[in-house]
């Protein structure tokens, strides 16, 4: 990876950094999302060591300090991706008409036989085994459900990538130890990366849908050897893409790179940062198992947890694992000769 930059880029970088600092110094009015960081305080002295040494022990220390902020981040994720609830409502079939069906599975066979055998015995058996019950119903998709699903998918295509951009910027600043103004930082990142966030959001949704779809199809047909091979290949691709997503949005809010180079660099980072990537994957899996365990113990809490902390905590785990590797490879070499006291990460341009 080549991360050189010419003098003209330095000039535009200074302007961008100056605008970013002005945004952070704007009036600090109270609102629901920045109530935990109302005064935008900097890094405490005892927090510097935690920030500079991103290991497993310091992860839990930083998590304890940022937990209140993660509650607000989780709310941003939930409300920002509201179209998901529209889609889930449509998938739930609440607007679909239903038809009662015969209770006995034998009726389907008798129905077929009746086309060739019109005897009284067949008719009598059809009457006996053709009794309908409300417990077995057939649903078919209504026009209202189709429109609802279409609207939900279109809205999600607009919001998904942009919400990820805003959340990634906030989480990156948490890991860096920068002061956070939840609401203004969220919209600042979106405005700055609106085009890339929108385009890659659609790509992201498409790739995740295809990976999940392929895994399901090949799993259901895994009795076939070839399908089993395709299943493991699809599963491996899903793991690699999980690693790539840890880096893509973080690089998007930190550097000035094209979407192609974001994907290329994230693929490289999925290998270079394999240790931290695997730890992040294990952390997310443990988090999901914990949420599921709570769900088994007490359903209401298990259902509510994703709306309170689970989503933000999973994203924080990924950001904590990925950003130090980005800093090590793409940022630190740039400042190895000279590192100003008040430096900000520059916008590198990958010319490779």
Protein backbone atom coordinates (compact mmCIF):
# COMPACT_ATOMS: atom_id res chain seq x y z
CA UNK A 1 0.00 0.00 0.00
CA UNK A 2 1.37 3.39 -0.98
CA UNK A 3 0.13 6.25 1.17
CA UNK A 4 2.03 9.26 -0.21
CA UNK A 5 0.57 12.73 -0.39
CA UNK A 6 1.60 15.91 -2.26
CA UNK A 7 1.67 19.51 -1.02
CA UNK A 8 -1.68 20.39 -2.54
CA UNK A 9 -3.28 17.67 -0.46
CA UNK A 10 -1.68 19.20 2.66
CA UNK A 11 -3.34 22.51 1.91
CA UNK A 12 -6.81 21.00 1.51
CA UNK A 13 -6.16 18.83 4.54
CA UNK A 14 -5.46 21.85 6.71
CA UNK A 15 -8.73 23.43 5.62
CA UNK A 16 -10.65 20.24 6.39
CA UNK A 17 -9.02 19.88 9.81
CA UNK A 18 -9.75 23.51 10.62
CA UNK A 19 -13.42 23.06 9.71
CA UNK A 20 -13.59 19.90 11.79
CA UNK A 21 -12.19 21.71 14.83
CA UNK A 22 -14.70 24.52 14.34
CA UNK A 23 -17.51 21.99 14.28
CA UNK A 24 -16.34 20.53 17.59
CA UNK A 25 -16.11 23.96 19.22
CA UNK A 26 -19.63 25.04 18.29
CA UNK A 27 -22.20 25.77 20.96
CA UNK A 28 -22.64 22.79 23.25
CA UNK A 29 -26.37 22.87 23.76
CA UNK A 30 -28.09 20.02 25.58
CA UNK A 31 -29.89 17.30 23.66
CA UNK A 32 -30.76 13.69 24.31
CA UNK A 33 -27.85 12.19 22.41
CA UNK A 34 -25.00 14.29 23.81
CA UNK A 35 -26.15 14.49 27.41
CA UNK A 36 -23.28 12.24 28.46
CA UNK A 37 -20.66 14.42 26.75
CA UNK A 38 -22.22 17.82 27.25
CA UNK A 39 -19.01 19.72 27.87
CA UNK A 40 -16.87 17.82 25.36
CA UNK A 41 -14.05 17.23 27.81
CA UNK A 42 -10.76 15.89 26.52
CA UNK A 43 -8.88 12.77 27.56
CA UNK A 44 -8.26 12.30 31.27
CA UNK A 45 -4.64 11.74 32.32
CA UNK A 46 -5.27 8.18 33.47
CA UNK A 47 -7.00 7.44 30.14
CA UNK A 48 -3.95 8.17 28.00
CA UNK A 49 -2.34 4.84 28.84
CA UNK A 50 -5.59 3.03 27.99
CA UNK A 51 -5.78 4.75 24.59
CA UNK A 52 -2.13 4.19 23.72
CA UNK A 53 -2.16 0.48 24.62
CA UNK A 54 -5.18 -1.10 22.90
CA UNK A 55 -5.03 -4.56 24.45
CA UNK A 56 -7.72 -6.83 25.90
CA UNK A 57 -7.32 -5.53 29.45
CA UNK A 58 -7.59 -1.90 28.39
CA UNK A 59 -10.60 -2.75 26.23
CA UNK A 60 -12.67 -3.42 29.33
CA UNK A 61 -11.33 -0.28 31.01
CA UNK A 62 -12.26 1.86 28.02
CA UNK A 63 -15.63 0.11 27.76
CA UNK A 64 -16.42 1.00 31.36
CA UNK A 65 -15.58 4.66 30.67
CA UNK A 66 -17.55 4.83 27.42
CA UNK A 67 -20.52 2.67 28.40
CA UNK A 68 -22.92 5.60 28.86
CA UNK A 69 -21.98 6.96 25.45
CA UNK A 70 -22.57 3.55 23.87
CA UNK A 71 -26.16 3.69 25.10
CA UNK A 72 -26.65 6.80 22.98
CA UNK A 73 -24.84 5.19 20.05
CA UNK A 74 -27.23 2.24 20.25
CA UNK A 75 -30.18 4.61 20.03
CA UNK A 76 -28.69 6.21 16.93
CA UNK A 77 -28.32 2.78 15.34
CA UNK A 78 -31.91 1.81 16.17
CA UNK A 79 -33.58 5.04 15.08
CA UNK A 80 -31.28 5.52 12.08
CA UNK A 81 -32.16 2.10 10.70
CA UNK A 82 -35.91 2.37 11.31
CA UNK A 83 -36.71 0.98 7.80
CA UNK A 84 -35.67 -2.45 9.13
CA UNK A 85 -38.77 -2.41 11.32
CA UNK A 86 -40.91 -1.61 8.27
CA UNK A 87 -39.42 -4.63 6.49
CA UNK A 88 -39.89 -6.89 9.52
CA UNK A 89 -43.52 -5.81 9.78
CA UNK A 90 -44.03 -6.74 6.13
CA UNK A 91 -42.26 -10.09 6.54
CA UNK A 92 -44.45 -10.79 9.58
CA UNK A 93 -47.43 -11.08 7.24
CA UNK A 94 -49.75 -8.90 9.30
CA UNK A 95 -51.27 -7.48 6.11
CA UNK A 96 -51.55 -10.83 4.32
CA UNK A 97 -54.95 -12.54 3.97
CA UNK A 98 -55.10 -16.11 5.30
CA UNK A 99 -57.05 -19.20 4.26
CA UNK A 100 -57.90 -22.12 6.51
CA UNK A 101 -56.51 -25.49 5.45
CA UNK A 102 -57.48 -29.09 6.23
CA UNK A 103 -55.95 -30.32 9.46
CA UNK A 104 -54.98 -33.77 8.21
CA UNK A 105 -52.05 -34.16 5.80
CA UNK A 106 -53.92 -37.12 4.25
CA UNK A 107 -56.33 -34.69 2.57
CA UNK A 108 -53.76 -33.63 -0.01
CA UNK A 109 -53.40 -37.27 -1.17
CA UNK A 110 -57.16 -37.79 -1.26
CA UNK A 111 -57.56 -34.60 -3.23
CA UNK A 112 -55.24 -35.95 -5.89
CA UNK A 113 -56.91 -39.36 -5.96
CA UNK A 114 -60.34 -37.73 -6.30
CA UNK A 115 -59.44 -36.46 -9.79
CA UNK A 116 -59.23 -40.09 -10.99
CA UNK A 117 -61.61 -41.86 -8.58
CA UNK A 118 -65.07 -40.37 -8.19
CA UNK A 119 -66.44 -43.17 -5.96
CA UNK A 120 -68.57 -42.48 -2.85
CA UNK A 121 -65.78 -43.89 -0.68
CA UNK A 122 -63.32 -41.25 -1.90
CA UNK A 123 -65.90 -38.53 -1.33
CA UNK A 124 -66.60 -39.78 2.19
CA UNK A 125 -62.91 -39.94 3.07
CA UNK A 126 -62.46 -36.44 1.65
CA UNK A 127 -65.19 -35.18 3.94
CA UNK A 128 -63.65 -36.85 7.00
CA UNK A 129 -60.08 -35.77 6.38
CA UNK A 130 -61.00 -32.43 4.83
CA UNK A 131 -62.11 -30.76 8.04
CA UNK A 132 -60.52 -27.31 8.31
CA UNK A 133 -58.91 -25.81 11.36
CA UNK A 134 -57.58 -22.38 12.24
CA UNK A 135 -54.29 -23.83 13.40
CA UNK A 136 -53.18 -24.58 9.87
CA UNK A 137 -53.50 -21.60 7.55
CA UNK A 138 -52.13 -20.57 4.21
CA UNK A 139 -50.97 -17.00 3.65
CA UNK A 140 -50.34 -15.23 0.38
CA UNK A 141 -48.61 -11.91 -0.04
CA UNK A 142 -51.01 -9.02 -0.48
CA UNK A 143 -50.41 -5.86 -2.51
CA UNK A 144 -50.12 -3.86 0.72
CA UNK A 145 -47.33 -6.15 1.97
CA UNK A 146 -45.50 -5.92 -1.34
CA UNK A 147 -45.62 -2.12 -1.25
CA UNK A 148 -44.54 -2.08 2.40
CA UNK A 149 -41.53 -4.30 1.71
CA UNK A 150 -40.56 -2.23 -1.33
CA UNK A 151 -40.76 1.03 0.64
CA UNK A 152 -38.75 -0.49 3.49
CA UNK A 153 -35.97 -1.71 1.17
CA UNK A 154 -35.75 1.67 -0.61
CA UNK A 155 -35.59 3.60 2.68
CA UNK A 156 -33.00 1.20 4.09
CA UNK A 157 -30.87 1.69 0.98
CA UNK A 158 -30.73 5.41 1.81
CA UNK A 159 -30.15 5.15 5.55
CA UNK A 160 -27.98 2.07 6.10
CA UNK A 161 -24.66 3.30 4.76
CA UNK A 162 -25.08 6.83 6.12
CA UNK A 163 -25.88 5.59 9.63
CA UNK A 164 -22.82 3.33 9.53
CA UNK A 165 -20.68 6.30 8.53
CA UNK A 166 -21.92 8.44 11.43
CA UNK A 167 -21.58 5.63 13.97
CA UNK A 168 -18.09 4.70 12.74
CA UNK A 169 -16.91 8.30 13.16
CA UNK A 170 -18.19 8.40 16.76
CA UNK A 171 -16.67 5.01 17.62
CA UNK A 172 -13.37 5.96 16.03
CA UNK A 173 -13.23 9.06 18.22
CA UNK A 174 -14.03 6.95 21.27
CA UNK A 175 -11.11 4.64 20.52
CA UNK A 176 -8.85 7.64 19.86
CA UNK A 177 -9.94 9.29 23.10
CA UNK A 178 -11.22 12.44 21.42
CA UNK A 179 -14.05 14.54 22.91
CA UNK A 180 -17.42 13.51 21.53
CA UNK A 181 -20.53 15.54 20.74
CA UNK A 182 -22.85 12.72 19.83
CA UNK A 183 -25.43 14.45 17.65
CA UNK A 184 -23.20 16.99 15.89
CA UNK A 185 -20.42 14.44 15.24
CA UNK A 186 -22.93 12.00 13.80
CA UNK A 187 -24.26 14.51 11.25
CA UNK A 188 -20.81 15.97 10.56
CA UNK A 189 -19.53 12.58 9.42
CA UNK A 190 -22.61 11.97 7.26
CA UNK A 191 -22.37 15.36 5.53
CA UNK A 192 -18.67 14.84 4.87
CA UNK A 193 -19.09 11.32 3.43
CA UNK A 194 -22.68 11.37 2.15
CA UNK A 195 -21.91 10.22 -1.40
CA UNK A 196 -19.59 7.34 -0.50
CA UNK A 197 -21.72 6.33 2.46
CA UNK A 198 -24.84 6.09 0.30
CA UNK A 199 -23.18 4.17 -2.55
CA UNK A 200 -21.31 1.72 -0.38
CA UNK A 201 -24.36 1.26 1.86
CA UNK A 202 -26.20 -0.23 -1.12
CA UNK A 203 -23.20 -2.41 -1.99
CA UNK A 204 -22.93 -3.49 1.64
CA UNK A 205 -26.57 -4.49 1.88
CA UNK A 206 -26.41 -6.41 -1.40
CA UNK A 207 -23.28 -8.35 -0.43
CA UNK A 208 -24.63 -9.26 3.02
CA UNK A 209 -27.96 -10.37 1.56
CA UNK A 210 -26.25 -12.54 -1.06
CA UNK A 211 -23.90 -14.14 1.49
CA UNK A 212 -26.73 -14.97 3.89
CA UNK A 213 -28.90 -16.25 1.04
CA UNK A 214 -26.11 -18.47 -0.34
CA UNK A 215 -25.29 -19.89 3.09
CA UNK A 216 -28.94 -20.80 3.68
CA UNK A 217 -29.42 -22.39 0.26
CA UNK A 218 -26.25 -24.45 0.43
CA UNK A 219 -26.92 -25.47 4.04
CA UNK A 220 -30.38 -26.78 3.19
CA UNK A 221 -28.85 -28.82 0.36
CA UNK A 222 -25.71 -29.87 2.23
CA UNK A 223 -26.46 -33.57 1.71
CA UNK A 224 -24.89 -33.09 -1.71
CA UNK A 225 -21.06 -33.02 -1.65
CA UNK A 226 -20.78 -30.11 -4.08
CA UNK A 227 -23.32 -28.10 -2.12
CA UNK A 228 -21.38 -28.78 1.08
CA UNK A 229 -18.24 -27.37 -0.53
CA UNK A 230 -20.16 -24.29 -1.66
CA UNK A 231 -21.54 -23.90 1.87
CA UNK A 232 -18.07 -23.81 3.46
CA UNK A 233 -16.82 -21.47 0.75
CA UNK A 234 -19.74 -19.10 1.33
CA UNK A 235 -19.22 -19.28 5.08
CA UNK A 236 -15.51 -18.46 4.67
CA UNK A 237 -16.38 -15.53 2.40
CA UNK A 238 -18.84 -14.25 5.03
CA UNK A 239 -16.11 -14.34 7.70
CA UNK A 240 -13.67 -12.48 5.43
CA UNK A 241 -16.30 -9.87 4.62
CA UNK A 242 -17.01 -9.46 8.33
CA UNK A 243 -13.31 -8.62 8.78
CA UNK A 244 -13.42 -6.21 5.82
CA UNK A 245 -16.45 -4.34 7.19
CA UNK A 246 -14.52 -3.64 10.38
CA UNK A 247 -12.15 -1.44 8.36
CA UNK A 248 -14.16 -0.04 5.44
CA UNK A 249 -16.30 2.49 7.28
CA UNK A 250 -13.46 3.49 9.63
CA UNK A 251 -11.21 4.24 6.65
CA UNK A 252 -14.05 6.06 4.92
CA UNK A 253 -14.36 8.57 7.78
CA UNK A 254 -10.58 8.90 8.20
CA UNK A 255 -9.09 8.96 4.71
CA UNK A 256 -9.92 10.25 1.24
CA UNK A 257 -10.05 6.98 -0.70
CA UNK A 258 -12.21 5.70 -3.53
CA UNK A 259 -14.66 2.89 -2.83
CA UNK A 260 -12.49 0.48 -4.83
CA UNK A 261 -9.43 1.33 -2.72
CA UNK A 262 -11.45 1.10 0.48
CA UNK A 263 -12.43 -2.44 -0.45
CA UNK A 264 -8.90 -3.32 -1.57
CA UNK A 265 -7.29 -1.97 1.60
CA UNK A 266 -9.89 -3.63 3.83
CA UNK A 267 -9.13 -6.97 2.17
CA UNK A 268 -5.43 -6.45 2.95
CA UNK A 269 -6.25 -5.50 6.54
CA UNK A 270 -8.35 -8.65 6.92
CA UNK A 271 -5.04 -10.53 6.59
CA UNK A 272 -2.61 -8.09 8.27
CA UNK A 273 -4.84 -7.72 11.32
CA UNK A 274 -5.85 -11.37 11.55
CA UNK A 275 -5.17 -11.67 15.31
CA UNK A 276 -7.26 -8.65 16.24
CA UNK A 277 -9.87 -9.60 13.66
CA UNK A 278 -10.33 -13.08 15.12
CA UNK A 279 -10.53 -11.63 18.64
CA UNK A 280 -13.23 -9.23 17.45
CA UNK A 281 -15.15 -12.06 15.81
CA UNK A 282 -14.97 -14.14 19.00
CA UNK A 283 -16.06 -11.11 21.02
CA UNK A 284 -19.11 -10.52 18.83
CA UNK A 285 -20.02 -14.23 18.94
CA UNK A 286 -19.76 -14.26 22.75
CA UNK A 287 -21.89 -11.12 22.88
CA UNK A 288 -24.60 -12.75 20.76
CA UNK A 289 -24.49 -15.94 22.83
CA UNK A 290 -24.79 -13.88 26.00
CA UNK A 291 -27.81 -12.05 24.58
CA UNK A 292 -29.37 -15.38 23.55
CA UNK A 293 -28.65 -16.87 27.00
CA UNK A 294 -30.40 -13.92 28.66
CA UNK A 295 -33.28 -14.42 26.23
CA UNK A 296 -33.63 -18.04 27.37
CA UNK A 297 -33.53 -17.03 31.02
CA UNK A 298 -35.94 -14.12 30.79
CA UNK A 299 -37.48 -13.32 27.41
CA UNK A 300 -38.36 -9.62 27.95
CA UNK A 301 -34.79 -8.66 28.88
CA UNK A 302 -33.35 -10.73 26.04
CA UNK A 303 -35.62 -8.94 23.56
CA UNK A 304 -34.87 -5.48 24.95
CA UNK A 305 -31.06 -5.82 25.15
CA UNK A 306 -30.45 -5.23 21.39
CA UNK A 307 -32.44 -1.99 21.69
CA UNK A 308 -30.28 -0.86 24.64
CA UNK A 309 -26.64 -1.90 24.17
CA UNK A 310 -26.00 -5.06 22.11
CA UNK A 311 -25.71 -3.42 18.68
CA UNK A 312 -23.48 -0.56 19.84
CA UNK A 313 -21.29 -2.90 21.90
CA UNK A 314 -20.73 -5.18 18.91
CA UNK A 315 -19.76 -2.19 16.76
CA UNK A 316 -17.46 -0.91 19.51
CA UNK A 317 -15.68 -4.28 19.69
CA UNK A 318 -15.00 -4.14 15.94
CA UNK A 319 -13.81 -0.52 16.02
CA UNK A 320 -11.50 -1.18 18.99
CA UNK A 321 -9.95 -4.11 17.14
CA UNK A 322 -9.62 -2.41 13.74
CA UNK A 323 -8.59 1.20 14.34
CA UNK A 324 -5.21 0.51 16.07
CA UNK A 325 -4.17 -1.54 13.03
CA UNK A 326 -5.21 1.27 10.69
CA UNK A 327 -3.24 3.73 12.82
CA UNK A 328 -0.19 1.47 12.87
CA UNK A 329 -0.02 0.97 9.10
CA UNK A 330 -1.60 4.04 7.54
CA UNK A 331 -1.08 6.83 10.08
CA UNK A 332 1.98 6.27 12.27
CA UNK A 333 4.46 5.93 9.36
CA UNK A 334 3.40 9.38 8.18
CA UNK A 335 4.38 10.91 11.52
CA UNK A 336 7.43 8.81 12.30
CA UNK A 337 9.78 11.72 11.56
CA UNK A 338 7.77 14.55 13.06
CA UNK A 339 4.58 14.41 15.12
CA UNK A 340 3.06 17.80 16.06
CA UNK A 341 1.46 18.08 19.48
CA UNK A 342 -1.98 18.90 18.11
CA UNK A 343 -1.92 16.65 15.04
CA UNK A 344 -4.99 15.11 13.46
CA UNK A 345 -4.96 12.13 11.10
CA UNK A 346 -4.43 13.39 7.54
CA UNK A 347 -6.44 12.31 4.57
CA UNK A 348 -4.16 9.85 2.82
CA UNK A 349 -4.57 9.03 -0.81
CA UNK A 350 -3.78 5.47 -1.80
CA UNK A 351 -2.06 5.72 -5.17
CA UNK A 352 -1.37 1.99 -5.31
